[in-house]
């Protein structure tokens, strides 16, 4: 019976899709765990070509024997919101300074894309999670 490998690190990185390089943030992060960067960079770039130029979130599990697994979670919700309403950046003061408006339909579209990663049991709950992110960026939710 095979025993489970001991996890010694859980890394979360935000990397431009299809453009990982041995430089920071990838090189410096993987290097400090003693991992072979090219074992990550080449498969990552291959798998994330469709996200070219957009940031993607990657979770990397590092094991005791210097091996690792990784999962690409796609674009972050805040990036999807900015993309949907053509916004450069969120508000520095989201309570008082509104920077845009987003509709229920746009929220549903984002919630559908991210459903498997959100802490929600149904689409309605997922929409509420995305709406909360939008509000925290200073984006007004309209019907």
Protein backbone atom coordinates (compact mmCIF):
# COMPACT_ATOMS: atom_id res chain seq x y z
CA UNK A 1 0.00 0.00 0.00
CA UNK A 2 1.40 3.40 -1.02
CA UNK A 3 1.66 5.99 1.71
CA UNK A 4 0.65 9.57 1.08
CA UNK A 5 3.49 12.00 0.50
CA UNK A 6 3.96 14.62 3.18
CA UNK A 7 3.03 18.13 2.01
CA UNK A 8 5.58 20.71 3.15
CA UNK A 9 4.21 23.75 1.35
CA UNK A 10 1.10 25.21 -0.29
CA UNK A 11 1.92 28.03 -2.69
CA UNK A 12 -0.52 30.41 -4.36
CA UNK A 13 0.75 32.42 -7.31
CA UNK A 14 -0.81 34.91 -9.70
CA UNK A 15 1.00 34.52 -13.02
CA UNK A 16 0.29 35.86 -16.54
CA UNK A 17 -1.16 32.94 -18.53
CA UNK A 18 1.24 31.31 -20.98
CA UNK A 19 4.07 33.59 -19.88
CA UNK A 20 5.70 31.97 -16.84
CA UNK A 21 9.46 32.48 -16.79
CA UNK A 22 12.33 31.48 -14.51
CA UNK A 23 12.36 35.05 -13.19
CA UNK A 24 10.19 36.36 -10.36
CA UNK A 25 7.57 35.52 -9.16
CA UNK A 26 7.88 31.92 -10.38
CA UNK A 27 11.65 31.41 -10.16
CA UNK A 28 12.12 32.99 -6.75
CA UNK A 29 9.15 31.15 -5.24
CA UNK A 30 9.91 27.68 -6.62
CA UNK A 31 13.64 28.16 -6.06
CA UNK A 32 13.28 28.66 -2.32
CA UNK A 33 11.50 25.29 -2.12
CA UNK A 34 14.28 23.61 -4.13
CA UNK A 35 11.99 22.71 -7.05
CA UNK A 36 12.97 22.38 -10.71
CA UNK A 37 11.40 25.45 -12.31
CA UNK A 38 11.25 24.03 -15.83
CA UNK A 39 9.16 21.08 -14.58
CA UNK A 40 6.52 23.71 -13.76
CA UNK A 41 7.08 26.46 -16.34
CA UNK A 42 6.78 24.43 -19.55
CA UNK A 43 3.56 22.51 -18.64
CA UNK A 44 2.06 25.70 -17.16
CA UNK A 45 2.70 27.76 -20.30
CA UNK A 46 1.28 24.96 -22.44
CA UNK A 47 -1.88 24.59 -20.35
CA UNK A 48 -2.59 28.33 -19.99
CA UNK A 49 -2.12 29.48 -23.60
CA UNK A 50 -5.81 30.48 -23.85
CA UNK A 51 -5.27 32.96 -20.97
CA UNK A 52 -2.39 34.69 -22.78
CA UNK A 53 -1.91 38.17 -21.34
CA UNK A 54 -4.38 37.61 -18.47
CA UNK A 55 -3.44 36.73 -14.92
CA UNK A 56 -4.30 33.27 -13.63
CA UNK A 57 -4.23 31.85 -10.12
CA UNK A 58 -2.13 28.71 -9.55
CA UNK A 59 -2.03 26.56 -6.42
CA UNK A 60 1.13 24.47 -6.04
CA UNK A 61 1.45 21.69 -3.46
CA UNK A 62 5.08 20.96 -2.54
CA UNK A 63 5.97 17.52 -1.15
CA UNK A 64 8.80 16.43 1.14
CA UNK A 65 10.64 14.64 -1.70
CA UNK A 66 10.87 17.90 -3.73
CA UNK A 67 8.06 16.91 -6.10
CA UNK A 68 4.93 18.99 -6.58
CA UNK A 69 1.41 19.09 -8.03
CA UNK A 70 -0.28 22.18 -9.37
CA UNK A 71 -3.78 23.30 -10.28
CA UNK A 72 -4.68 26.29 -12.42
CA UNK A 73 -7.81 28.07 -11.15
CA UNK A 74 -8.20 30.45 -14.10
CA UNK A 75 -8.66 34.18 -13.81
CA UNK A 76 -9.33 35.82 -10.43
CA UNK A 77 -12.88 37.12 -9.87
CA UNK A 78 -11.71 40.74 -9.55
CA UNK A 79 -10.03 40.54 -12.97
CA UNK A 80 -13.22 39.11 -14.51
CA UNK A 81 -15.26 41.95 -12.98
CA UNK A 82 -12.86 44.60 -14.31
CA UNK A 83 -12.96 42.94 -17.73
CA UNK A 84 -16.78 42.77 -17.79
CA UNK A 85 -17.23 46.49 -17.13
CA UNK A 86 -14.06 47.73 -18.90
CA UNK A 87 -12.38 49.05 -15.75
CA UNK A 88 -8.65 49.65 -15.21
CA UNK A 89 -8.67 49.27 -11.43
CA UNK A 90 -10.96 49.15 -8.44
CA UNK A 91 -11.63 52.05 -6.08
CA UNK A 92 -9.22 52.99 -3.32
CA UNK A 93 -12.23 53.97 -1.20
CA UNK A 94 -15.01 51.55 -2.22
CA UNK A 95 -17.54 52.86 0.34
CA UNK A 96 -17.53 56.44 -0.86
CA UNK A 97 -15.96 56.37 -4.31
CA UNK A 98 -17.81 54.27 -6.91
CA UNK A 99 -15.92 53.43 -10.09
CA UNK A 100 -18.52 51.58 -12.17
CA UNK A 101 -21.71 49.54 -12.36
CA UNK A 102 -22.25 45.82 -12.99
CA UNK A 103 -25.51 44.07 -13.85
CA UNK A 104 -27.01 40.86 -12.48
CA UNK A 105 -26.46 39.20 -15.89
CA UNK A 106 -22.74 40.05 -15.82
CA UNK A 107 -22.49 38.75 -12.24
CA UNK A 108 -24.19 35.48 -13.28
CA UNK A 109 -21.78 35.04 -16.19
CA UNK A 110 -18.76 35.44 -13.87
CA UNK A 111 -20.37 33.21 -11.21
CA UNK A 112 -20.90 30.47 -13.82
CA UNK A 113 -17.22 30.61 -14.84
CA UNK A 114 -16.01 30.40 -11.24
CA UNK A 115 -18.78 28.19 -9.76
CA UNK A 116 -16.54 25.21 -8.99
CA UNK A 117 -14.16 27.40 -6.95
CA UNK A 118 -16.62 29.61 -5.07
CA UNK A 119 -17.89 28.78 -1.62
CA UNK A 120 -21.51 28.49 -2.75
CA UNK A 121 -24.06 25.70 -3.22
CA UNK A 122 -26.05 27.25 -6.07
CA UNK A 123 -25.82 29.98 -8.70
CA UNK A 124 -27.64 32.48 -6.48
CA UNK A 125 -25.09 32.04 -3.72
CA UNK A 126 -22.23 32.29 -6.22
CA UNK A 127 -23.69 35.54 -7.61
CA UNK A 128 -23.76 36.94 -4.05
CA UNK A 129 -20.07 36.06 -3.57
CA UNK A 130 -19.14 37.78 -6.86
CA UNK A 131 -21.36 40.78 -6.00
CA UNK A 132 -19.52 41.10 -2.67
CA UNK A 133 -16.19 41.19 -4.50
CA UNK A 134 -17.56 43.82 -6.88
CA UNK A 135 -18.79 45.99 -4.00
CA UNK A 136 -15.42 45.73 -2.26
CA UNK A 137 -13.85 47.12 -5.45
CA UNK A 138 -16.19 50.12 -5.46
CA UNK A 139 -18.40 48.70 -8.24
CA UNK A 140 -22.13 49.29 -7.84
CA UNK A 141 -24.40 46.28 -8.38
CA UNK A 142 -27.48 47.24 -10.45
CA UNK A 143 -30.39 45.19 -11.78
